[in-house]
Every structure is written in structure tokens, then in C-alpha cells.
N, C-alpha and C. Protein backbone atom coordinates (compact mmCIF):
# COMPACT_ATOMS: atom_id res chain seq x y z
N MET A 1 54.83 27.93 -8.42
CA MET A 1 53.49 27.61 -7.99
C MET A 1 53.03 28.66 -7.03
N ASP A 2 51.72 28.92 -7.04
CA ASP A 2 51.19 29.97 -6.19
C ASP A 2 51.08 29.47 -4.77
N SER A 3 51.21 30.35 -3.84
CA SER A 3 51.07 29.98 -2.43
C SER A 3 49.58 29.87 -2.10
N PRO A 4 49.23 29.18 -1.04
CA PRO A 4 47.83 29.02 -0.68
C PRO A 4 47.17 30.35 -0.40
N LYS A 5 47.93 31.32 0.08
CA LYS A 5 47.35 32.61 0.40
C LYS A 5 46.90 33.31 -0.88
N LYS A 6 47.65 33.20 -1.96
CA LYS A 6 47.29 33.83 -3.21
C LYS A 6 46.04 33.16 -3.81
N LEU A 7 45.89 31.86 -3.63
CA LEU A 7 44.73 31.15 -4.16
C LEU A 7 43.45 31.60 -3.47
N THR A 8 43.54 31.88 -2.19
CA THR A 8 42.35 32.27 -1.45
C THR A 8 42.01 33.72 -1.68
N GLU A 9 42.93 34.51 -2.15
CA GLU A 9 42.64 35.91 -2.38
C GLU A 9 41.68 36.08 -3.55
N ASN A 10 41.74 35.22 -4.53
CA ASN A 10 40.88 35.33 -5.71
C ASN A 10 39.42 34.95 -5.41
N CYS A 11 39.19 34.12 -4.42
CA CYS A 11 37.84 33.66 -4.09
C CYS A 11 37.40 34.33 -2.81
N PRO A 12 36.17 34.77 -2.74
CA PRO A 12 35.68 35.35 -1.50
C PRO A 12 35.58 34.27 -0.42
N PRO A 13 35.81 34.63 0.84
CA PRO A 13 35.76 33.62 1.90
C PRO A 13 34.34 33.08 2.06
N GLY A 14 34.25 31.79 2.36
CA GLY A 14 32.96 31.13 2.57
C GLY A 14 32.31 30.67 1.29
N SER A 15 32.96 30.90 0.18
CA SER A 15 32.39 30.45 -1.08
C SER A 15 32.66 28.95 -1.24
N PRO A 16 31.94 28.29 -2.08
CA PRO A 16 32.13 26.86 -2.23
C PRO A 16 33.49 26.50 -2.77
N LEU A 17 34.12 27.42 -3.44
CA LEU A 17 35.45 27.13 -3.98
C LEU A 17 36.54 27.60 -3.04
N ASP A 18 36.23 27.72 -1.79
CA ASP A 18 37.21 28.15 -0.79
C ASP A 18 38.30 27.09 -0.68
N GLN A 19 39.52 27.51 -0.80
CA GLN A 19 40.66 26.59 -0.77
C GLN A 19 41.02 26.21 0.66
N ILE A 20 41.53 25.00 0.80
CA ILE A 20 42.03 24.58 2.12
C ILE A 20 43.52 24.35 2.00
N SER A 21 44.17 24.43 3.11
CA SER A 21 45.63 24.26 3.10
C SER A 21 45.98 22.79 2.94
N PRO A 22 47.18 22.51 2.39
CA PRO A 22 47.59 21.11 2.25
C PRO A 22 47.69 20.40 3.59
N GLU A 23 48.05 21.10 4.65
CA GLU A 23 48.13 20.46 5.97
C GLU A 23 46.74 20.00 6.42
N ARG A 24 45.78 20.87 6.18
CA ARG A 24 44.42 20.51 6.59
C ARG A 24 43.90 19.34 5.74
N ALA A 25 44.21 19.32 4.45
CA ALA A 25 43.77 18.24 3.59
C ALA A 25 44.41 16.92 3.99
N ASN A 26 45.67 16.98 4.46
CA ASN A 26 46.37 15.76 4.85
C ASN A 26 46.09 15.35 6.29
N GLN A 27 45.40 16.21 7.01
CA GLN A 27 45.12 15.90 8.41
C GLN A 27 44.15 14.72 8.47
N GLN A 28 44.40 13.78 9.36
CA GLN A 28 43.55 12.61 9.50
C GLN A 28 42.65 12.80 10.70
N LYS A 29 41.42 12.46 10.49
CA LYS A 29 40.47 12.57 11.58
C LYS A 29 40.57 11.32 12.42
N GLN A 30 40.20 11.45 13.67
CA GLN A 30 40.36 10.35 14.60
C GLN A 30 39.45 9.17 14.23
N TRP A 31 38.29 9.45 13.77
CA TRP A 31 37.36 8.34 13.47
C TRP A 31 37.64 7.69 12.13
N ASP A 32 38.51 8.32 11.31
CA ASP A 32 38.87 7.70 10.03
C ASP A 32 39.75 6.48 10.22
N LEU A 33 40.64 6.50 11.19
CA LEU A 33 41.55 5.38 11.41
C LEU A 33 41.09 4.56 12.60
N PRO A 34 41.03 3.27 12.46
CA PRO A 34 40.64 2.45 13.60
C PRO A 34 41.76 2.41 14.63
N THR A 35 41.35 2.31 15.89
CA THR A 35 42.35 2.26 16.96
C THR A 35 43.05 0.92 16.98
N SER A 36 42.30 -0.15 16.71
CA SER A 36 42.92 -1.46 16.60
C SER A 36 42.11 -2.27 15.58
N PRO A 37 42.76 -3.15 14.85
CA PRO A 37 42.03 -3.90 13.82
C PRO A 37 40.94 -4.78 14.42
N THR A 38 41.14 -5.34 15.60
CA THR A 38 40.14 -6.23 16.18
C THR A 38 38.91 -5.46 16.63
N ALA A 39 39.07 -4.24 17.10
CA ALA A 39 37.93 -3.45 17.54
C ALA A 39 37.03 -3.13 16.34
N THR A 40 37.64 -2.81 15.22
CA THR A 40 36.87 -2.50 14.02
C THR A 40 36.14 -3.75 13.54
N GLU A 41 36.84 -4.87 13.52
CA GLU A 41 36.22 -6.12 13.08
C GLU A 41 35.06 -6.49 13.99
N LYS A 42 35.27 -6.32 15.30
CA LYS A 42 34.20 -6.65 16.25
C LYS A 42 33.00 -5.73 16.04
N GLY A 43 33.27 -4.45 15.84
CA GLY A 43 32.18 -3.49 15.64
C GLY A 43 31.41 -3.79 14.36
N SER A 44 32.14 -4.06 13.29
CA SER A 44 31.45 -4.34 12.03
C SER A 44 30.73 -5.68 12.09
N LYS A 45 31.35 -6.65 12.77
CA LYS A 45 30.68 -7.95 12.91
C LYS A 45 29.43 -7.81 13.76
N SER A 46 29.53 -6.97 14.80
CA SER A 46 28.38 -6.78 15.67
C SER A 46 27.24 -6.09 14.93
N SER A 47 27.59 -5.03 14.17
CA SER A 47 26.54 -4.33 13.43
C SER A 47 26.01 -5.21 12.30
N LYS A 48 26.91 -5.97 11.67
CA LYS A 48 26.48 -6.88 10.61
C LYS A 48 25.60 -7.97 11.20
N HIS A 49 25.98 -8.49 12.37
CA HIS A 49 25.20 -9.54 13.02
C HIS A 49 23.82 -9.02 13.39
N SER A 50 23.77 -7.80 13.95
CA SER A 50 22.46 -7.26 14.34
C SER A 50 21.61 -6.98 13.10
N ARG A 51 22.25 -6.53 12.02
CA ARG A 51 21.53 -6.29 10.78
C ARG A 51 21.03 -7.62 10.19
N ASP A 52 21.90 -8.64 10.18
CA ASP A 52 21.50 -9.96 9.69
C ASP A 52 20.38 -10.54 10.55
N SER A 53 20.52 -10.34 11.86
CA SER A 53 19.49 -10.84 12.78
C SER A 53 18.16 -10.15 12.50
N SER A 54 18.21 -8.84 12.28
CA SER A 54 17.00 -8.09 11.98
C SER A 54 16.39 -8.57 10.65
N VAL A 55 17.23 -8.79 9.67
CA VAL A 55 16.75 -9.28 8.38
C VAL A 55 16.15 -10.67 8.54
N ASN A 56 16.83 -11.52 9.30
CA ASN A 56 16.32 -12.88 9.52
C ASN A 56 14.99 -12.85 10.27
N GLU A 57 14.86 -11.91 11.22
CA GLU A 57 13.60 -11.78 11.95
C GLU A 57 12.48 -11.37 10.99
N LYS A 58 12.78 -10.42 10.11
CA LYS A 58 11.77 -9.98 9.13
C LYS A 58 11.39 -11.13 8.19
N ILE A 59 12.39 -11.88 7.75
CA ILE A 59 12.12 -13.04 6.89
C ILE A 59 11.24 -14.04 7.61
N ALA A 60 11.57 -14.29 8.89
CA ALA A 60 10.77 -15.22 9.68
C ALA A 60 9.34 -14.70 9.84
N GLN A 61 9.19 -13.40 10.06
CA GLN A 61 7.84 -12.82 10.18
C GLN A 61 7.06 -12.99 8.87
N PHE A 62 7.70 -12.68 7.75
CA PHE A 62 7.02 -12.82 6.46
C PHE A 62 6.68 -14.28 6.18
N ASN A 63 7.61 -15.19 6.50
CA ASN A 63 7.32 -16.61 6.31
C ASN A 63 6.16 -17.04 7.19
N SER A 64 6.14 -16.53 8.42
CA SER A 64 5.05 -16.87 9.33
C SER A 64 3.73 -16.34 8.80
N LEU A 65 3.74 -15.09 8.31
CA LEU A 65 2.52 -14.52 7.73
C LEU A 65 2.08 -15.31 6.51
N ALA A 66 3.04 -15.69 5.68
CA ALA A 66 2.70 -16.48 4.49
C ALA A 66 2.11 -17.82 4.90
N TYR A 67 2.70 -18.45 5.91
CA TYR A 67 2.19 -19.74 6.39
C TYR A 67 0.79 -19.58 6.96
N GLN A 68 0.59 -18.51 7.75
CA GLN A 68 -0.73 -18.26 8.32
C GLN A 68 -1.75 -17.99 7.22
N GLY A 69 -1.33 -17.24 6.21
CA GLY A 69 -2.21 -16.97 5.08
C GLY A 69 -2.59 -18.25 4.36
N LYS A 70 -1.61 -19.13 4.17
CA LYS A 70 -1.90 -20.41 3.51
C LYS A 70 -2.82 -21.25 4.38
N GLN A 71 -2.60 -21.22 5.70
CA GLN A 71 -3.46 -21.98 6.61
C GLN A 71 -4.89 -21.46 6.54
N LEU A 72 -5.05 -20.12 6.55
CA LEU A 72 -6.40 -19.55 6.46
C LEU A 72 -7.05 -19.91 5.13
N GLU A 73 -6.27 -19.85 4.06
CA GLU A 73 -6.80 -20.20 2.75
C GLU A 73 -7.19 -21.68 2.72
N ARG A 74 -6.35 -22.52 3.32
CA ARG A 74 -6.64 -23.95 3.37
C ARG A 74 -7.91 -24.21 4.18
N LYS A 75 -8.05 -23.49 5.32
CA LYS A 75 -9.26 -23.65 6.14
C LYS A 75 -10.49 -23.21 5.36
N ALA A 76 -10.37 -22.09 4.65
CA ALA A 76 -11.51 -21.61 3.86
C ALA A 76 -11.86 -22.61 2.76
N ASN A 77 -10.84 -23.16 2.11
CA ASN A 77 -11.09 -24.16 1.06
C ASN A 77 -11.70 -25.43 1.65
N ASP A 78 -11.20 -25.84 2.83
CA ASP A 78 -11.77 -27.03 3.48
C ASP A 78 -13.23 -26.80 3.85
N ALA A 79 -13.53 -25.60 4.36
CA ALA A 79 -14.91 -25.28 4.72
C ALA A 79 -15.79 -25.27 3.47
N ALA A 80 -15.29 -24.70 2.38
CA ALA A 80 -16.06 -24.67 1.13
C ALA A 80 -16.27 -26.09 0.61
N LEU A 81 -15.24 -26.93 0.72
CA LEU A 81 -15.37 -28.32 0.29
C LEU A 81 -16.40 -29.05 1.13
N LYS A 82 -16.37 -28.81 2.44
CA LYS A 82 -17.33 -29.46 3.33
C LYS A 82 -18.75 -29.01 3.00
N ARG A 83 -18.93 -27.69 2.76
CA ARG A 83 -20.26 -27.20 2.37
C ARG A 83 -20.72 -27.84 1.07
N ALA A 84 -19.80 -27.98 0.13
CA ALA A 84 -20.15 -28.60 -1.15
C ALA A 84 -20.53 -30.06 -0.96
N MET A 85 -19.80 -30.76 -0.09
CA MET A 85 -20.11 -32.17 0.16
C MET A 85 -21.47 -32.31 0.83
N VAL A 86 -21.74 -31.45 1.80
CA VAL A 86 -23.04 -31.49 2.49
C VAL A 86 -24.15 -31.16 1.49
N GLY A 87 -23.92 -30.17 0.65
CA GLY A 87 -24.91 -29.81 -0.37
C GLY A 87 -25.16 -30.95 -1.34
N ARG A 88 -24.09 -31.64 -1.72
CA ARG A 88 -24.25 -32.79 -2.62
C ARG A 88 -25.05 -33.90 -1.95
N GLU A 89 -24.72 -34.18 -0.68
CA GLU A 89 -25.47 -35.21 0.04
C GLU A 89 -26.95 -34.85 0.14
N GLU A 90 -27.23 -33.58 0.43
CA GLU A 90 -28.63 -33.14 0.51
C GLU A 90 -29.31 -33.28 -0.85
N ALA A 91 -28.61 -32.91 -1.91
CA ALA A 91 -29.19 -33.01 -3.26
C ALA A 91 -29.45 -34.47 -3.62
N GLU A 92 -28.50 -35.36 -3.28
CA GLU A 92 -28.69 -36.78 -3.57
C GLU A 92 -29.86 -37.33 -2.77
N SER A 93 -29.97 -36.93 -1.51
CA SER A 93 -31.09 -37.38 -0.67
C SER A 93 -32.41 -36.90 -1.25
N GLU A 94 -32.45 -35.65 -1.66
CA GLU A 94 -33.68 -35.10 -2.25
C GLU A 94 -34.00 -35.80 -3.57
N MET A 95 -32.97 -36.12 -4.34
CA MET A 95 -33.18 -36.83 -5.61
C MET A 95 -33.76 -38.22 -5.34
N ARG A 96 -33.25 -38.92 -4.33
CA ARG A 96 -33.81 -40.23 -3.97
C ARG A 96 -35.27 -40.10 -3.57
N ARG A 97 -35.56 -39.07 -2.79
CA ARG A 97 -36.94 -38.85 -2.35
C ARG A 97 -37.85 -38.59 -3.55
N TYR A 98 -37.39 -37.78 -4.52
CA TYR A 98 -38.18 -37.51 -5.72
C TYR A 98 -38.36 -38.78 -6.56
N ARG A 99 -37.33 -39.59 -6.66
CA ARG A 99 -37.44 -40.85 -7.41
C ARG A 99 -38.45 -41.78 -6.76
N ASP A 100 -38.37 -41.87 -5.42
CA ASP A 100 -39.34 -42.71 -4.70
C ASP A 100 -40.76 -42.20 -4.91
N GLU A 101 -40.91 -40.88 -4.83
CA GLU A 101 -42.23 -40.29 -5.03
C GLU A 101 -42.72 -40.55 -6.46
N ALA A 102 -41.83 -40.43 -7.44
CA ALA A 102 -42.21 -40.68 -8.83
C ALA A 102 -42.59 -42.15 -9.02
N ARG A 103 -41.85 -43.05 -8.38
CA ARG A 103 -42.15 -44.48 -8.46
C ARG A 103 -43.54 -44.76 -7.88
N ILE A 104 -43.84 -44.16 -6.74
CA ILE A 104 -45.15 -44.34 -6.10
C ILE A 104 -46.26 -43.81 -7.01
N LEU A 105 -46.03 -42.63 -7.59
CA LEU A 105 -47.04 -42.04 -8.48
C LEU A 105 -47.25 -42.89 -9.73
N ARG A 106 -46.15 -43.43 -10.30
CA ARG A 106 -46.28 -44.31 -11.47
C ARG A 106 -47.10 -45.55 -11.12
N ARG A 107 -46.82 -46.12 -9.93
CA ARG A 107 -47.56 -47.30 -9.48
C ARG A 107 -49.05 -46.96 -9.33
N GLN A 108 -49.34 -45.80 -8.76
CA GLN A 108 -50.74 -45.39 -8.59
C GLN A 108 -51.42 -45.20 -9.94
N VAL A 109 -50.71 -44.62 -10.90
CA VAL A 109 -51.27 -44.44 -12.24
C VAL A 109 -51.55 -45.81 -12.87
N GLU A 110 -50.59 -46.73 -12.74
CA GLU A 110 -50.79 -48.08 -13.30
C GLU A 110 -51.97 -48.77 -12.64
N GLU A 111 -52.08 -48.64 -11.31
CA GLU A 111 -53.22 -49.24 -10.60
C GLU A 111 -54.53 -48.61 -11.06
N GLY A 112 -54.54 -47.30 -11.27
CA GLY A 112 -55.74 -46.61 -11.76
C GLY A 112 -56.13 -47.10 -13.15
N LYS A 113 -55.12 -47.26 -14.03
CA LYS A 113 -55.40 -47.77 -15.37
C LYS A 113 -55.95 -49.19 -15.32
N GLU A 114 -55.40 -49.99 -14.42
CA GLU A 114 -55.87 -51.37 -14.27
C GLU A 114 -57.32 -51.40 -13.77
N ARG A 115 -57.64 -50.56 -12.80
CA ARG A 115 -59.03 -50.47 -12.31
C ARG A 115 -59.96 -50.00 -13.42
N GLU A 116 -59.51 -49.00 -14.18
CA GLU A 116 -60.32 -48.49 -15.29
C GLU A 116 -60.56 -49.59 -16.33
N ARG A 117 -59.53 -50.38 -16.62
CA ARG A 117 -59.68 -51.48 -17.58
C ARG A 117 -60.69 -52.51 -17.06
N LYS A 118 -60.57 -52.88 -15.77
CA LYS A 118 -61.50 -53.86 -15.18
C LYS A 118 -62.93 -53.33 -15.17
N VAL A 119 -63.08 -52.04 -14.80
CA VAL A 119 -64.42 -51.43 -14.79
C VAL A 119 -64.98 -51.42 -16.21
N GLY A 120 -64.14 -51.11 -17.18
CA GLY A 120 -64.58 -51.10 -18.58
C GLY A 120 -65.02 -52.48 -19.02
N GLU A 121 -64.24 -53.50 -18.66
CA GLU A 121 -64.62 -54.87 -19.02
C GLU A 121 -65.94 -55.26 -18.35
N ARG A 122 -66.07 -54.92 -17.09
CA ARG A 122 -67.31 -55.25 -16.35
C ARG A 122 -68.51 -54.52 -16.96
N LEU A 123 -68.28 -53.24 -17.31
CA LEU A 123 -69.36 -52.46 -17.92
C LEU A 123 -69.78 -53.09 -19.25
N GLU A 124 -68.79 -53.50 -20.01
CA GLU A 124 -69.09 -54.12 -21.30
C GLU A 124 -69.88 -55.41 -21.11
N SER A 125 -69.47 -56.22 -20.14
CA SER A 125 -70.20 -57.48 -19.90
C SER A 125 -71.62 -57.20 -19.39
N VAL A 126 -71.78 -56.18 -18.55
CA VAL A 126 -73.11 -55.82 -18.05
C VAL A 126 -73.98 -55.32 -19.20
N MET A 127 -73.37 -54.50 -20.08
CA MET A 127 -74.12 -53.99 -21.23
C MET A 127 -74.57 -55.13 -22.15
N VAL A 128 -73.68 -56.09 -22.35
CA VAL A 128 -74.03 -57.24 -23.18
C VAL A 128 -75.17 -58.01 -22.52
N PHE A 129 -75.03 -58.22 -21.22
CA PHE A 129 -76.07 -58.94 -20.50
C PHE A 129 -77.39 -58.16 -20.54
N TYR A 130 -77.32 -56.86 -20.39
CA TYR A 130 -78.51 -56.00 -20.42
C TYR A 130 -79.18 -56.09 -21.80
N GLN A 131 -78.34 -56.00 -22.83
CA GLN A 131 -78.88 -56.10 -24.19
C GLN A 131 -79.56 -57.47 -24.39
N TYR A 132 -78.92 -58.49 -23.90
CA TYR A 132 -79.48 -59.83 -24.03
C TYR A 132 -80.80 -59.93 -23.26
N ALA A 133 -80.80 -59.39 -22.02
CA ALA A 133 -82.02 -59.44 -21.19
C ALA A 133 -83.12 -58.62 -21.84
N ARG A 134 -82.81 -57.50 -22.36
CA ARG A 134 -83.80 -56.64 -22.99
C ARG A 134 -84.36 -57.32 -24.25
N HIS A 135 -83.43 -57.87 -24.98
CA HIS A 135 -83.85 -58.54 -26.20
C HIS A 135 -84.76 -59.74 -25.86
N SER A 136 -84.43 -60.48 -24.85
CA SER A 136 -85.28 -61.61 -24.44
C SER A 136 -86.61 -61.13 -23.89
N ASP A 137 -86.61 -60.02 -23.18
CA ASP A 137 -87.85 -59.49 -22.62
C ASP A 137 -88.78 -59.07 -23.75
N GLN A 138 -88.22 -58.48 -24.79
CA GLN A 138 -89.03 -58.08 -25.94
C GLN A 138 -89.62 -59.31 -26.62
N ARG A 139 -88.92 -60.36 -26.68
CA ARG A 139 -89.42 -61.59 -27.29
C ARG A 139 -90.57 -62.17 -26.48
N LEU A 140 -90.36 -62.12 -25.17
CA LEU A 140 -91.42 -62.66 -24.31
C LEU A 140 -92.70 -61.83 -24.45
N THR A 141 -92.52 -60.56 -24.55
CA THR A 141 -93.69 -59.71 -24.69
C THR A 141 -94.37 -59.97 -26.05
N LEU A 142 -93.63 -60.21 -27.05
CA LEU A 142 -94.21 -60.48 -28.36
C LEU A 142 -94.92 -61.85 -28.37
N ILE A 143 -94.37 -62.75 -27.70
CA ILE A 143 -94.95 -64.09 -27.67
C ILE A 143 -96.23 -64.07 -26.83
N CYS A 144 -96.27 -63.38 -25.86
CA CYS A 144 -97.46 -63.39 -24.99
C CYS A 144 -98.48 -62.47 -25.46
């Protein structure tokens, strides 16, 4: 097998294929190995807890926004319903007023027709009486 020195001679230094020694490859970095198992667990639990807490806070914020949005929508719908109810009440009131006015006008028309009928009957009786009086006057004039 070739020595590490021979492997590096074929590649220029600093190239991406630069070889490292087996000692360097087997060397362990200090942060790779935990100093104690409980410290690592505490650190990961702490970071996991803070991450979960942050996620839960965001969820709570979104839920709060959704609730507020629903409340605003509910208020808008309630206001629209109230406007519709008030509009309906006004329309019903106006309809009653128009019906009352129509009833009054119908009564006035009926009263007018009744007066016209009575005047017509009276006129007819006066005309008959006039014809009779005229006819009798002509007779008197002929007789005298």
C-alpha cells in the first residue's frame, strides 16, 4: 500500500482531493463527544423545550388571530342581520301605512260612488217631476 506521502504527491496541495492522514481522520473533536450524558440530555431538552415553547406560542398566536377573525366576522354578520331586521321592520311598517292609505282611498271612492248614485236618483226624480209639471202646465195653458 502506498504511504500517505506518496498519495499527496500526485495531487497539488490545497486541491479538493487533498489527502489527510489517518491520524487526522481518526482524531475526535472535542465538541463531537459529550462530556457527560446528562449534560447533553439537559441541553437537548432545553433547546427542544424552548423550540416547543416557541412553536406553542406561535400556535397560540394563530389560534388567537383565528378566534379574533371569527369574532370580527360574527360581529359583522350580527350587524348585517340587525340592519336586515331593522330594514324589514321599516318595510313592514311602510306596507301597513300603504295598506291603510289604500283602505282610506277605497272608502272615499265608495263614498263618492254612493253620492253620485244618490245625486243621480235625485236628478232623475227631479226630471220626472219637472216633466210632469211642464206637462201639466201645458195642459193648463191649453184649457185656458
